[in-house]
Protein backbone atom coordinates (compact mmCIF):
# COMPACT_ATOMS: atom_id res chain seq x y z
CA MET A 1 14.43 -14.12 -26.03
CA PRO A 2 13.47 -11.65 -23.16
CA VAL A 3 11.92 -9.26 -24.50
CA ASN A 4 9.42 -7.12 -22.44
CA GLU A 5 9.74 -9.15 -19.50
CA PHE A 6 12.85 -8.28 -17.11
CA VAL A 7 13.46 -6.68 -13.80
CA ILE A 8 15.43 -3.11 -13.81
CA ARG A 9 17.41 -1.84 -10.38
CA VAL A 10 18.25 1.79 -10.05
CA GLY A 11 20.81 1.71 -7.19
CA GLY A 12 23.23 4.75 -5.89
CA ASP A 13 23.72 7.23 -2.93
CA THR A 14 21.41 10.06 -3.16
CA LEU A 15 24.13 12.82 -3.32
CA GLU A 16 24.09 11.95 -6.81
CA GLY A 17 20.89 12.83 -7.12
CA GLY A 18 17.65 11.55 -9.13
CA ILE A 19 18.03 7.62 -8.37
CA ILE A 20 14.25 6.93 -7.57
CA ARG A 21 13.21 9.64 -10.41
CA THR A 22 15.55 7.67 -12.61
CA GLY A 23 13.30 4.45 -11.71
CA GLU A 24 9.94 6.56 -12.14
CA PHE A 25 10.72 8.13 -15.47
CA LEU A 26 11.68 4.22 -16.41
CA ALA A 27 8.03 2.57 -15.26
CA HIS A 28 6.09 6.07 -16.83
CA ALA A 29 8.05 5.24 -20.23
CA LEU A 30 7.46 1.46 -20.03
CA ALA A 31 3.59 1.83 -19.26
CA ARG A 32 3.40 4.37 -22.30
CA CYS A 33 5.01 1.44 -24.53
CA GLY A 34 2.21 -0.49 -23.74
CA LEU A 35 3.78 -2.99 -21.12
CA GLU A 36 3.07 -3.48 -17.68
CA VAL A 37 4.98 -2.06 -14.73
CA PHE A 38 5.54 -2.98 -10.96
CA THR A 39 8.26 -1.07 -8.78
CA PHE A 40 9.98 -1.32 -5.32
CA ARG A 41 11.77 1.29 -3.59
CA THR A 42 13.76 1.49 -0.71
CA TYR A 43 15.50 4.54 0.43
CA PRO A 44 17.61 6.08 3.55
CA ALA A 45 16.05 7.66 6.12
CA GLU A 46 18.96 10.04 6.66
CA ILE A 47 17.83 13.66 5.17
CA LYS A 48 20.58 13.91 3.10
CA GLY A 49 22.91 10.91 1.25
CA GLY A 50 22.60 7.40 1.64
CA GLN A 51 22.00 4.87 -0.92
CA ALA A 52 18.65 4.34 -2.37
CA MET A 53 17.32 1.86 -4.90
CA ILE A 54 14.21 1.53 -7.12
CA GLN A 55 13.34 -1.31 -9.10
CA VAL A 56 10.98 -1.83 -11.74
CA ARG A 57 9.70 -4.96 -13.16
CA THR A 58 7.72 -5.11 -16.93
CA ALA A 59 6.00 -7.43 -18.30
CA GLU A 60 3.36 -8.12 -21.20
CA GLN A 61 1.38 -9.40 -18.82
CA PRO A 62 -0.21 -8.45 -15.22
CA THR A 63 2.14 -8.93 -12.04
CA TYR A 64 2.27 -9.44 -8.49
CA THR A 65 5.65 -8.93 -7.47
CA HIS A 66 8.70 -6.61 -8.52
CA GLY A 67 10.57 -9.69 -9.17
CA ASP A 68 13.53 -11.50 -6.89
CA GLU A 69 16.05 -11.24 -9.53
CA VAL A 70 17.71 -8.23 -11.55
CA ASP A 71 18.24 -8.47 -15.00
CA ILE A 72 19.37 -5.28 -15.99
CA LEU A 73 21.48 -3.30 -12.87
CA ILE A 74 22.33 0.65 -12.98
CA CYS A 75 24.99 1.75 -10.69
CA PHE A 76 25.36 5.35 -10.18
CA ASP A 77 28.65 4.22 -8.04
CA GLU A 78 30.50 1.13 -6.45
CA GLU A 79 28.85 1.00 -3.14
CA ALA A 80 25.86 0.30 -5.23
CA TRP A 81 27.29 -2.44 -6.93
CA GLU A 82 28.28 -4.03 -3.62
CA ILE A 83 25.09 -3.90 -2.26
CA HIS A 84 22.84 -5.11 -4.79
CA LYS A 85 25.35 -7.56 -6.75
CA GLN A 86 23.89 -10.80 -4.21
CA ASP A 87 20.46 -9.84 -6.38
CA PHE A 88 22.06 -9.86 -9.68
CA ASN A 89 21.32 -12.42 -12.67
CA PRO A 90 24.65 -13.38 -13.64
CA TYR A 91 23.29 -13.71 -17.31
CA GLY A 92 21.93 -9.66 -16.86
CA VAL A 93 23.59 -6.21 -18.18
CA LEU A 94 25.31 -4.50 -15.39
CA ILE A 95 25.30 -0.45 -16.75
CA TYR A 96 27.90 1.59 -14.92
CA ASP A 97 29.64 4.76 -13.94
CA SER A 98 32.79 4.40 -15.60
CA LYS A 99 34.39 6.36 -12.59
CA PHE A 100 34.53 3.04 -11.14
CA GLU A 101 35.65 -0.63 -11.96
CA PRO A 102 33.15 -3.46 -10.62
CA LYS A 103 34.81 -6.13 -8.78
CA ASN A 104 34.01 -9.84 -9.33
CA VAL A 105 31.25 -9.13 -11.75
CA PRO A 106 29.96 -12.74 -13.27
CA GLY A 107 32.30 -13.58 -16.71
CA THR A 108 28.79 -14.29 -18.04
CA SER A 109 26.90 -11.15 -17.95
CA ILE A 110 27.35 -8.05 -19.84
CA THR A 111 28.76 -5.06 -19.48
CA TYR A 112 28.28 -1.45 -20.28
CA GLY A 113 30.84 1.30 -18.56
CA LEU A 114 29.94 5.10 -19.18
CA PRO A 115 31.26 8.39 -18.26
CA PHE A 116 27.80 9.43 -16.77
CA SER A 117 29.08 11.65 -14.53
CA GLU A 118 32.26 13.18 -16.54
CA ILE A 119 29.03 13.84 -19.33
CA ALA A 120 26.95 15.87 -16.98
CA LYS A 121 29.58 17.51 -14.68
CA THR A 122 32.25 18.15 -17.75
CA ARG A 123 30.28 18.30 -21.27
CA LEU A 124 26.73 19.74 -20.06
CA ARG A 125 28.14 21.22 -17.17
CA ASN A 126 25.02 19.89 -15.27
CA PRO A 127 25.62 17.83 -12.23
CA LEU A 128 22.43 17.09 -11.79
CA GLY A 129 21.63 15.97 -15.23
CA LYS A 130 23.47 12.86 -14.84
CA ASN A 131 20.01 10.45 -13.86
CA MET A 132 19.11 11.92 -18.07
CA VAL A 133 22.43 10.44 -19.21
CA ILE A 134 21.39 7.55 -18.20
CA LEU A 135 17.93 7.40 -19.32
CA GLY A 136 19.31 8.52 -22.70
CA ALA A 137 21.55 5.40 -22.61
CA PHE A 138 19.04 3.42 -21.65
CA SER A 139 16.91 4.24 -24.23
CA ALA A 140 19.74 3.41 -27.07
CA LEU A 141 20.39 0.00 -25.66
CA PHE A 142 17.28 -1.40 -24.93
CA GLY A 143 15.08 0.10 -27.93
CA LEU A 144 12.75 2.41 -25.79
CA PRO A 145 12.07 5.04 -27.79
CA LYS A 146 13.85 8.48 -26.84
CA GLU A 147 10.82 10.34 -27.39
CA THR A 148 8.37 8.36 -24.89
CA PHE A 149 11.51 10.03 -22.19
CA GLU A 150 11.18 13.67 -24.65
CA GLN A 151 7.39 13.59 -23.70
CA LEU A 152 7.80 12.77 -19.86
CA ILE A 153 10.50 15.38 -19.81
CA ARG A 154 8.77 18.35 -20.90
CA GLU A 155 5.53 17.26 -18.78
CA TYR A 156 7.74 16.76 -15.55
CA TRP A 157 9.65 20.49 -16.30
CA GLY A 158 7.54 22.34 -18.41
CA ARG A 159 6.52 24.37 -15.75
CA ARG A 160 9.97 25.33 -14.86
CA GLY A 161 10.30 27.02 -18.06
CA GLU A 162 12.14 25.98 -21.72
CA LYS A 163 15.78 26.34 -20.46
CA VAL A 164 14.93 23.62 -17.97
CA VAL A 165 13.39 21.47 -20.23
CA ASN A 166 16.31 21.77 -22.75
CA ALA A 167 18.94 21.24 -20.40
CA ASN A 168 17.35 17.68 -19.49
CA ILE A 169 16.82 16.82 -23.12
CA ALA A 170 20.76 17.48 -23.88
CA ALA A 171 21.21 15.40 -21.25
CA LEU A 172 18.99 12.50 -22.70
CA ASN A 173 20.62 12.86 -26.03
CA GLU A 174 24.22 12.79 -25.08
CA GLY A 175 23.78 9.75 -22.86
CA PHE A 176 21.93 7.87 -25.94
CA ASP A 177 24.67 9.37 -28.55
CA GLU A 178 27.03 7.92 -25.92
CA ALA A 179 25.73 4.16 -25.30
CA ARG A 180 25.39 4.05 -29.33
CA LYS A 181 28.84 3.46 -29.44
CA PHE A 182 29.14 0.31 -27.81
CA GLU A 183 28.45 -3.09 -30.06
CA LYS A 184 25.66 -4.75 -28.24
CA HIS A 185 25.84 -8.23 -26.81
CA ASP A 186 22.51 -8.59 -24.54
CA PRO A 187 19.42 -9.82 -25.83
CA TYR A 188 17.14 -7.51 -23.75
CA ARG A 189 14.84 -5.27 -25.36
CA ILE A 190 11.47 -3.54 -25.52
CA GLU A 191 9.26 -3.74 -28.40
CA VAL A 192 6.46 -1.50 -28.31
CA ARG A 193 3.11 -2.45 -28.29
CA PRO A 194 -0.25 -0.70 -28.38
CA MET A 195 -1.46 1.41 -25.57
CA SER A 196 -3.49 -0.61 -23.36
CA ASP A 197 -6.33 1.46 -21.40
CA ARG A 198 -4.16 1.47 -18.34
CA MET A 199 -3.42 3.58 -15.72
CA ILE A 200 -0.14 4.07 -13.55
CA LEU A 201 -0.77 5.09 -9.72
CA SER A 202 1.16 4.48 -6.05
CA GLY A 203 -0.42 2.96 -3.45
CA ASN A 204 -0.97 6.29 -1.44
CA GLU A 205 -2.34 7.56 -4.92
CA ALA A 206 -5.00 4.96 -4.99
CA ILE A 207 -5.89 5.74 -1.60
CA CYS A 208 -6.41 9.30 -2.35
CA TYR A 209 -8.31 8.70 -4.99
CA GLY A 210 -10.59 6.23 -3.08
CA ALA A 211 -11.04 9.07 -0.60
CA ILE A 212 -12.45 11.56 -2.93
CA ALA A 213 -14.49 8.73 -4.59
CA ALA A 214 -15.89 7.78 -1.18
CA GLY A 215 -17.01 11.35 -0.71
CA CYS A 216 -13.92 12.81 1.53
CA LYS A 217 -14.51 16.55 2.56
CA VAL A 218 -11.71 16.66 5.57
CA PHE A 219 -8.74 15.07 5.68
CA ALA A 220 -6.01 16.34 8.56
CA GLY A 221 -2.63 15.29 8.90
CA TYR A 222 0.55 15.75 10.11
CA PRO A 223 3.76 14.77 8.36
CA ILE A 224 5.32 11.02 8.68
CA THR A 225 7.23 8.94 6.67
CA PRO A 226 5.89 6.59 4.51
CA ALA A 227 2.43 8.64 4.79
CA SER A 228 3.12 11.76 3.91
CA ASP A 229 2.45 12.36 0.10
CA ILE A 230 -0.93 11.30 1.32
CA LEU A 231 -0.87 14.83 3.28
CA GLU A 232 0.88 16.28 0.15
CA TRP A 233 -1.57 15.34 -2.53
CA MET A 234 -4.55 16.36 -0.23
CA MET A 235 -3.23 19.55 0.53
CA GLU A 236 -3.08 19.97 -3.23
CA HIS A 237 -6.00 18.20 -4.10
CA LEU A 238 -9.12 18.25 -2.32
CA PRO A 239 -10.03 22.04 -2.06
CA HIS A 240 -10.88 21.04 -6.10
CA PHE A 241 -13.73 18.87 -4.73
CA GLY A 242 -14.93 20.98 -2.40
CA GLY A 243 -13.28 19.63 0.41
CA THR A 244 -10.70 20.99 3.22
CA PRO A 245 -7.61 19.60 4.03
CA LEU A 246 -5.38 20.65 7.15
CA GLN A 247 -2.00 20.23 8.07
CA VAL A 248 -1.94 20.39 12.30
CA GLU A 249 0.97 20.53 15.03
CA ASP A 250 0.95 16.58 15.07
CA GLU A 251 -1.13 13.56 15.23
CA ILE A 252 -3.37 14.20 18.31
CA ALA A 253 -4.63 17.06 16.62
CA ALA A 254 -4.83 15.38 13.21
CA ILE A 255 -8.05 12.93 14.67
CA GLY A 256 -9.20 15.64 16.93
CA ALA A 257 -9.92 17.67 13.52
CA VAL A 258 -11.13 14.29 11.81
CA LEU A 259 -13.96 13.57 14.59
CA GLY A 260 -14.82 17.06 14.90
CA ALA A 261 -15.65 17.17 10.96
CA SER A 262 -17.24 14.00 11.14
CA PHE A 263 -19.40 14.86 14.22
CA ALA A 264 -20.51 18.31 12.23
CA GLY A 265 -21.75 16.17 9.33
CA ALA A 266 -18.38 15.79 6.99
CA LYS A 267 -16.68 12.60 5.80
CA ALA A 268 -13.22 12.45 7.31
CA MET A 269 -9.84 11.16 7.14
CA THR A 270 -6.58 10.94 8.43
CA ALA A 271 -2.94 9.39 7.41
CA THR A 272 -0.41 8.28 9.69
CA SER A 273 2.38 5.54 10.27
CA GLY A 274 2.45 3.37 13.62
CA PRO A 275 4.11 5.99 15.71
CA GLY A 276 1.08 8.60 14.90
CA LEU A 277 -1.43 5.61 15.24
CA SER A 278 -0.26 5.63 18.48
CA LEU A 279 -1.00 8.98 19.62
CA MET A 280 -4.12 8.71 18.16
CA THR A 281 -5.40 5.65 20.31
CA GLU A 282 -6.72 8.00 23.18
CA PHE A 283 -9.20 9.79 20.34
CA LEU A 284 -9.74 6.29 18.65
CA SER A 285 -11.37 5.29 21.81
CA HIS A 286 -13.50 8.33 22.24
CA ALA A 287 -14.68 7.81 18.41
CA ALA A 288 -15.80 4.44 19.27
CA MET A 289 -17.68 5.35 23.11
CA ALA A 290 -19.22 8.42 20.63
CA GLU A 291 -20.20 6.21 17.65
CA ILE A 292 -18.43 9.06 15.29
CA PRO A 293 -17.07 7.78 12.21
CA CYS A 294 -13.64 8.33 10.67
CA VAL A 295 -11.07 6.50 8.90
CA ILE A 296 -7.09 6.37 9.14
CA ALA A 297 -4.74 4.92 7.03
CA ASP A 298 -2.07 3.47 9.00
CA ILE A 299 1.12 3.09 6.30
CA GLN A 300 3.11 0.70 8.21
CA ARG A 301 7.01 1.12 8.48
CA ALA A 302 9.32 -0.87 10.65
CA GLY A 303 9.51 -0.44 14.05
CA PRO A 304 9.15 -0.38 17.15
CA SER A 305 9.93 3.54 18.14
CA THR A 306 11.31 5.26 15.30
CA GLY A 307 12.58 2.04 13.92
CA MET A 308 13.51 2.26 10.07
CA PRO A 309 10.82 5.00 8.71
CA THR A 310 11.42 4.15 5.04
CA LYS A 311 11.49 0.41 5.51
CA SER A 312 8.54 -1.81 5.38
CA GLU A 313 6.81 -4.09 7.62
CA GLN A 314 3.10 -5.20 8.70
CA SER A 315 3.88 -5.11 12.35
CA ASP A 316 0.98 -2.56 13.63
CA LEU A 317 -1.45 -5.34 13.32
CA TYR A 318 -1.78 -5.79 17.08
CA GLN A 319 -2.09 -1.85 17.56
CA ALA A 320 -4.67 -2.00 14.89
CA VAL A 321 -6.90 -4.28 16.31
CA PHE A 322 -6.44 -4.21 20.00
CA GLY A 323 -5.03 -0.76 20.62
CA GLY A 324 -7.26 1.63 22.65
CA HIS A 325 -8.41 1.58 26.75
CA GLY A 326 -11.21 -0.77 27.16
CA ASP A 327 -13.17 -2.79 24.71
CA VAL A 328 -12.70 -0.81 21.48
CA PRO A 329 -14.86 -1.79 18.40
CA ARG A 330 -13.27 -1.10 15.06
CA VAL A 331 -12.64 -2.15 11.51
CA VAL A 332 -9.32 -3.02 9.99
CA LEU A 333 -8.65 -3.56 6.51
CA ALA A 334 -5.67 -3.97 4.25
CA PRO A 335 -5.26 -3.60 0.67
CA SER A 336 -2.28 -5.61 -1.19
CA THR A 337 -2.52 -4.00 -4.08
CA VAL A 338 -3.01 -0.13 -5.58
CA GLN A 339 -5.98 -1.51 -7.33
CA GLY A 340 -6.61 -2.64 -3.90
CA CYS A 341 -6.13 0.37 -2.05
CA PHE A 342 -8.61 2.79 -3.69
CA TYR A 343 -11.57 0.35 -3.43
CA VAL A 344 -10.83 -0.64 0.01
CA THR A 345 -10.45 3.29 1.12
CA VAL A 346 -14.18 3.49 -0.51
CA HIS A 347 -15.04 0.56 1.41
CA ALA A 348 -13.45 1.90 4.80
CA PHE A 349 -15.45 4.93 4.21
CA ASN A 350 -18.32 3.08 3.44
CA LEU A 351 -17.83 0.71 6.59
CA ALA A 352 -17.26 4.07 8.85
CA GLU A 353 -20.53 5.53 8.10
CA LEU A 354 -22.42 2.20 7.91
CA CYS A 355 -21.33 1.57 11.39
CA GLN A 356 -20.43 4.58 12.58
CA LEU A 357 -16.83 3.58 14.32
CA PRO A 358 -13.75 3.97 13.17
CA VAL A 359 -12.04 1.88 10.29
CA ILE A 360 -7.96 1.48 9.85
CA ILE A 361 -6.44 1.00 6.66
CA LEU A 362 -3.18 -1.12 7.08
CA SER A 363 -0.85 -0.53 4.17
CA ASP A 364 2.71 -0.20 4.26
CA GLN A 365 5.87 1.61 2.99
CA SER A 366 6.34 -1.01 0.47
CA LEU A 367 2.47 -0.94 -1.38
CA ALA A 368 2.42 2.84 -0.42
CA HIS A 369 5.34 3.94 -2.92
CA ARG A 370 5.00 1.14 -5.67
CA THR A 371 3.36 2.16 -8.29
CA GLU A 372 1.79 -0.14 -10.72
CA THR A 373 -0.41 -0.34 -14.30
CA ILE A 374 -3.76 -1.17 -12.80
CA ALA A 375 -7.00 -1.52 -14.88
CA PRO A 376 -9.03 1.83 -15.24
CA ILE A 377 -11.72 2.42 -12.53
CA ASP A 378 -15.52 2.45 -13.37
CA LEU A 379 -16.76 4.73 -11.12
CA ASP A 380 -20.17 4.42 -12.06
CA LYS A 381 -19.90 0.76 -10.54
CA LEU A 382 -18.75 2.18 -7.15
CA ILE A 383 -21.17 1.87 -4.45
CA VAL A 384 -21.27 4.96 -2.08
CA ILE A 385 -22.98 4.66 1.97
CA ASP A 386 -23.75 7.73 4.08
CA ARG A 387 -24.54 7.37 7.87
CA GLU A 388 -28.22 7.51 8.80
CA VAL A 389 -29.40 10.78 9.62
CA TYR A 390 -31.44 11.57 12.12
CA ASP A 391 -34.67 13.35 10.95
CA SER A 392 -37.49 14.26 13.11
CA PHE A 393 -39.70 13.65 10.63
CA ILE A 394 -39.10 10.19 10.18
CA HIS A 395 -38.05 9.38 13.81
CA SER A 396 -41.50 11.49 15.11
CA GLY A 397 -43.18 8.91 16.86
CA ASP A 398 -40.55 8.75 19.27
CA ASP A 399 -42.27 10.30 21.93
CA LYS A 400 -39.17 10.52 24.26
CA GLY A 401 -37.40 12.66 22.06
CA TYR A 402 -34.23 12.18 20.78
CA ARG A 403 -32.21 9.26 21.62
CA ARG A 404 -28.51 9.52 20.12
CA TYR A 405 -27.67 6.17 21.26
CA ARG A 406 -30.76 4.25 20.40
CA LEU A 407 -30.82 0.74 20.72
CA ASP A 408 -31.55 -0.97 17.77
CA GLU A 409 -30.78 -4.97 16.57
CA THR A 410 -27.84 -3.34 14.04
CA GLY A 411 -26.33 -1.32 17.20
CA ILE A 412 -26.92 1.57 14.69
CA SER A 413 -28.80 4.63 15.25
CA PRO A 414 -29.39 7.80 13.72
CA MET A 415 -27.44 10.87 13.91
CA SER A 416 -28.52 14.28 14.02
CA LEU A 417 -25.79 17.18 13.16
CA PRO A 418 -25.01 20.40 14.43
CA GLY A 419 -28.08 22.57 14.10
CA GLN A 420 -30.56 20.09 12.93
CA VAL A 421 -33.33 18.94 15.14
CA GLY A 422 -31.82 16.46 17.99
CA SER A 423 -29.02 17.62 19.92
CA TYR A 424 -26.70 15.73 21.78
CA THR A 425 -23.24 15.67 23.08
CA ALA A 426 -20.80 13.07 22.18
CA GLU A 427 -19.86 12.31 25.12
CA GLY A 428 -16.75 10.16 26.04
CA LEU A 429 -17.92 8.79 29.23
CA GLU A 430 -20.46 5.88 29.31
CA HIS A 431 -24.01 6.83 28.76
CA ASP A 432 -27.42 6.06 28.21
CA GLU A 433 -29.98 5.98 24.96
CA PHE A 434 -30.01 10.15 25.23
CA GLY A 435 -26.06 10.75 25.69
CA HIS A 436 -26.55 11.29 29.42
CA PRO A 437 -23.67 10.06 31.36
CA ASN A 438 -24.88 6.57 33.19
CA TRP A 439 -22.42 4.54 35.33
CA ASP A 440 -24.89 1.72 35.95
CA PRO A 441 -23.47 -1.74 35.62
CA GLU A 442 -26.00 -3.34 33.51
CA ASN A 443 -26.37 -0.05 31.36
CA HIS A 444 -22.57 -0.23 30.75
CA MET A 445 -23.60 -4.19 29.39
CA THR A 446 -26.26 -2.67 27.39
CA MET A 447 -23.86 -0.47 25.74
CA THR A 448 -21.31 -2.44 25.15
CA GLU A 449 -22.94 -5.38 23.52
CA LYS A 450 -24.74 -2.42 21.20
CA ARG A 451 -21.71 -1.12 20.15
CA PHE A 452 -20.25 -4.71 19.39
CA ARG A 453 -23.06 -5.73 17.49
CA LYS A 454 -21.59 -3.23 14.73
CA LEU A 455 -18.71 -5.94 14.26
CA GLU A 456 -21.91 -8.28 12.91
CA LEU A 457 -22.97 -5.26 10.70
CA ALA A 458 -19.46 -5.13 9.29
CA LEU A 459 -19.29 -8.89 8.87
CA ARG A 460 -22.35 -8.57 6.57
CA TYR A 461 -21.21 -5.43 4.63
CA GLY A 462 -21.75 -7.57 1.63
CA GLU A 463 -25.22 -7.22 1.37
CA TYR A 464 -24.68 -3.45 1.15
CA TYR A 465 -21.79 -3.84 -1.65
CA PRO A 466 -22.22 -6.84 -3.41
CA GLY A 467 -18.77 -8.30 -4.07
CA PHE A 468 -16.74 -7.52 -1.31
CA GLU A 469 -16.40 -10.42 0.84
CA GLY A 470 -13.57 -9.23 3.27
CA PHE A 471 -11.69 -12.75 1.50
CA ARG A 472 -10.79 -14.48 -1.46
CA TRP A 473 -9.90 -17.88 -1.72
CA TYR A 474 -7.88 -19.15 -4.80
CA GLY A 475 -7.39 -22.77 -6.01
CA PRO A 476 -8.70 -25.98 -5.00
CA ARG A 477 -11.29 -26.29 -2.01
CA GLN A 478 -8.31 -29.02 -0.36
CA ALA A 479 -4.73 -28.77 -0.63
CA ASP A 480 -1.79 -30.42 0.62
CA VAL A 481 -0.53 -26.82 1.49
CA GLY A 482 -3.18 -23.71 2.26
CA VAL A 483 -1.31 -20.43 2.54
CA ILE A 484 -3.44 -17.48 4.43
CA THR A 485 -2.31 -13.96 3.03
CA TRP A 486 -2.88 -10.50 3.77
CA GLY A 487 -1.44 -7.08 2.76
CA SER A 488 1.05 -6.36 0.03
CA THR A 489 2.64 -9.91 0.82
CA ALA A 490 -0.23 -11.50 -1.47
CA GLY A 491 1.65 -10.83 -4.29
CA ALA A 492 4.29 -13.06 -3.14
CA VAL A 493 2.21 -15.48 -2.18
CA ARG A 494 0.13 -15.85 -5.71
CA GLU A 495 3.48 -16.09 -7.67
CA ALA A 496 5.26 -18.72 -5.25
CA SER A 497 2.10 -21.09 -5.43
CA LYS A 498 1.99 -21.15 -9.22
CA LEU A 499 5.58 -21.97 -9.04
CA ALA A 500 4.58 -24.49 -6.43
CA GLU A 501 1.92 -25.99 -8.76
CA LEU A 502 4.33 -26.59 -11.39
CA GLU A 503 6.21 -28.66 -9.11
CA GLY A 504 2.83 -30.65 -8.49
CA ILE A 505 2.18 -29.43 -5.30
CA SER A 506 -1.53 -28.47 -4.41
CA VAL A 507 -1.73 -25.27 -3.05
CA ALA A 508 -4.93 -23.12 -2.35
CA ILE A 509 -4.54 -19.51 -1.10
CA LEU A 510 -7.22 -17.46 1.38
CA HIS A 511 -5.98 -13.80 0.87
CA VAL A 512 -7.79 -11.93 3.80
CA SER A 513 -8.37 -8.00 3.38
CA MET A 514 -10.74 -7.62 6.35
CA LEU A 515 -8.39 -8.49 9.41
CA TYR A 516 -11.25 -7.19 12.19
CA PRO A 517 -13.70 -8.21 12.78
CA LEU A 518 -12.47 -11.94 11.18
CA HIS A 519 -15.01 -13.82 9.16
CA LYS A 520 -13.42 -16.94 11.47
CA GLU A 521 -15.64 -19.70 10.03
CA ILE A 522 -14.40 -19.19 6.71
CA VAL A 523 -11.27 -19.17 8.15
CA ARG A 524 -11.38 -22.42 10.38
CA ARG A 525 -13.12 -24.04 6.98
CA PHE A 526 -9.98 -23.47 5.19
CA ILE A 527 -7.71 -24.74 7.97
CA ILE A 528 -9.38 -27.68 8.41
CA SER A 529 -9.49 -28.20 4.77
CA MET A 530 -5.49 -28.11 3.93
CA LYS A 531 -3.04 -30.85 5.51
CA ARG A 532 -0.68 -27.56 6.27
CA VAL A 533 -1.28 -23.57 6.46
CA LEU A 534 1.17 -21.53 6.11
CA LEU A 535 0.73 -18.02 7.36
CA PRO A 536 3.57 -15.41 6.17
CA GLU A 537 3.92 -11.90 7.09
CA LEU A 538 6.61 -9.22 7.68
CA ASN A 539 6.69 -8.87 11.39
CA TYR A 540 8.91 -10.94 14.07
CA THR A 541 5.96 -12.01 16.14
CA GLY A 542 3.53 -13.78 13.79
CA GLN A 543 0.73 -11.05 14.79
CA PHE A 544 -1.91 -12.53 12.38
CA ALA A 545 -0.91 -16.06 13.12
CA HIS A 546 -1.59 -15.46 16.65
CA LEU A 547 -4.92 -13.59 15.86
CA VAL A 548 -6.05 -16.47 13.54
CA ARG A 549 -4.96 -19.11 16.72
CA GLY A 550 -7.15 -17.02 18.63
CA GLU A 551 -10.13 -16.00 16.78
CA THR A 552 -10.72 -19.91 15.55
CA GLY A 553 -8.75 -22.21 17.67
CA LEU A 554 -6.96 -23.76 15.07
CA ASP A 555 -3.20 -23.54 14.08
CA VAL A 556 -1.01 -22.63 11.44
CA VAL A 557 2.80 -22.44 10.55
CA SER A 558 3.91 -18.82 11.18
CA TYR A 559 6.60 -17.54 8.73
CA ALA A 560 7.96 -14.58 10.11
CA LYS A 561 10.45 -12.43 8.72
CA VAL A 562 11.62 -8.75 9.52
CA THR A 563 14.12 -7.30 7.69
CA GLY A 564 12.36 -4.47 6.24
CA VAL A 565 11.92 -5.53 2.79
CA PRO A 566 9.38 -7.76 1.10
CA PHE A 567 9.21 -11.39 1.04
CA LYS A 568 11.08 -12.89 -2.16
CA VAL A 569 9.15 -15.47 -4.22
CA ARG A 570 11.58 -17.71 -3.63
CA GLU A 571 11.40 -17.51 0.06
CA ILE A 572 7.69 -18.09 0.17
CA LEU A 573 7.99 -20.91 -2.58
CA GLU A 574 10.83 -22.63 -0.20
CA ALA A 575 8.29 -22.67 2.77
CA ILE A 576 5.63 -23.98 0.65
CA ARG A 577 8.10 -26.67 -0.53
CA GLU A 578 8.88 -27.61 3.37
CA LEU A 579 5.22 -27.97 4.66
CA ALA A 580 4.68 -30.29 1.55
CA HIS A 581 7.96 -32.33 2.10
CA GLU A 582 6.07 -32.71 5.62
CA VAL A 583 2.80 -33.34 4.29
CA ILE A 584 4.31 -36.29 1.95
CA TYR A 585 6.63 -37.73 5.06
CA VAL A 586 3.74 -38.07 7.25
CA ARG A 587 1.88 -40.29 4.46
C-alpha cells in the first residue's frame, strides 16, 4: 500500500487565495509527522490572477526530485484540473471543489468532490478560509493529525490575534467534518513516525543562512523574482547578526554598495536574477580588476529579457562565466540541493575572500523556492576563511612601501583597510603593484597573469576546505553511459540513473559544482572512461555542454530543455536508454 510515499499537487487560480500556502502547510505538517518532503512550485508572473501550483513529495527516505506523477491532486477550480490532468496518476485520488464537475477523469481513479467554496463563503463567511477547509479534508481522508495543522495555524497567524487563529481553525474543522462523510476507497494514508532530527528549508533560505555562517555583514539588493525573498530575509534578520542590509534603487547600486563595503573590509553580498546580473556586469569587471572580494547569487529564471520571471532555467551560465569586458577572472559555483545552497554559499564567501575576486552562485527558481527536509548543519565543522589583510609589522621588510597588487605566486596580495597603514586606490584602470595607473604592455600582461593565477588557487580550494572538490563522481569508473550534471538537474539525474541500473544499464554520474574554473582533467577523465556521455541542462543552446567541449576538446551529447520547468526523471531515463541502445548497437 502507498503509505507515507506519494506525490501531492495543489492547483488553482491565485484569485482563489492560498494555493501555495496550502502546499506549504502540507509540507511542514508532513515533516512534523517524521517524513521527508521535497516540493516544487510554479506561479504566474501577473500581479493578481493566473494559475499557480505547488507539488509536495513525501517519503520515509530522502528523495532527489519532486516526482513525475501526481498521486493526490487537489483542484481549486476546473481550469486546474484541465492543466494538471496530464500528470495525474490514473490510479490516484482527485479532490475537487464540487462547484464544478471534472471531465474525462480516469475510471480507475478515486474522486472526492467537496463544497469547499460553499463552506468557506456561506457557512463560515470567510472566503479566504477555503485553503484551511481543504487541509481539514486532507487530514480526515489521509490520517494526517488535525492537531498538526492547528499548531501550524497558531504559529503562522498567532501574531495577528486569537480571532484570526480561531477563524482558520474553524475552517479546518469544517473541512475535516465534511470529509468524514465520505467512505474512503483509496489506498493512500499517512502513518506518523518518530520525529527525526531534520530541518525544513527553502533554497533561498539556505543561501541566507550560509551567508550568515560565512560572516556576511553587508547585503545590498533590489527586488527581482525569484531572488526577492533573499533580500526580504536579509532585511529582517541580518541586523540580528550585527550586519547591515540595504534595499537600493537598482542592481547597479546594489553591487556598487557591495564593492564599497568589501573595500572597507566587510564581507558583502547581493542577490539577483539574469536581468539584474546583466546590469551588474561592469562592476563585476571592476571587482576583478581592483581585486575586491564579493558574492553574487544569481537565482536564474527563464529569459531572455524579462522572459518568464516565475519559471526556471539554467540559461545564465554564459553570462556568469564570460560576462564582462576584457578578461575577467571569477569563480562560478552551482548548488543542486537545499543543503547544497547553504554550503555553496559558505564556499562562495571563502573563495571570494581567499582569491580576492567575485564569486557567482548560480541557483534557479525551482531550487530557490523548493523546500526540503535536510540534516541539521553542524556549524562547528564549518571552515570560515577571511581575506589576507596587510599588516605593517608583518610586512615591515618591504622597503618599497605598500604594494597592494604585489606580484606573488598565487596572485594574492594583502589588502589594507581604510584607516589602517597602507593606503591605495582601488583603480579600475590597469595599474602597477602600487595601484598607480600603468598602460605599459608588459605590465598589462604581468598583471593579467597575476589575476588569472587566482583561478589556479581556486582549483586548489580543497586544500583549505578538506572535503570540497568542486565535483563528485557517482557510480563505476567505467560505464556504458556517463551523465554530467550541474545545478538543480542533478536530482533527476540521480533518480534516473538508479532506475537505469535496475534495467541492467551501467551508468556513472559526474556532478560538477564548480563550473568555472573547471576541473577539466577530471571532466576529461570521466568522458574518456564512458562509452557515451549525456549532459542535460535547462537551456536551449546547451551552454555547459559547449563549455565542456571547449575546455576538454571532447564531445558530449547535449540534452537541452527550455520549457520553464525542471526535468522529469522519465525524460532523463529515456535519454539514458537511447544512448545505451546506441552503445549496444555499435557493439
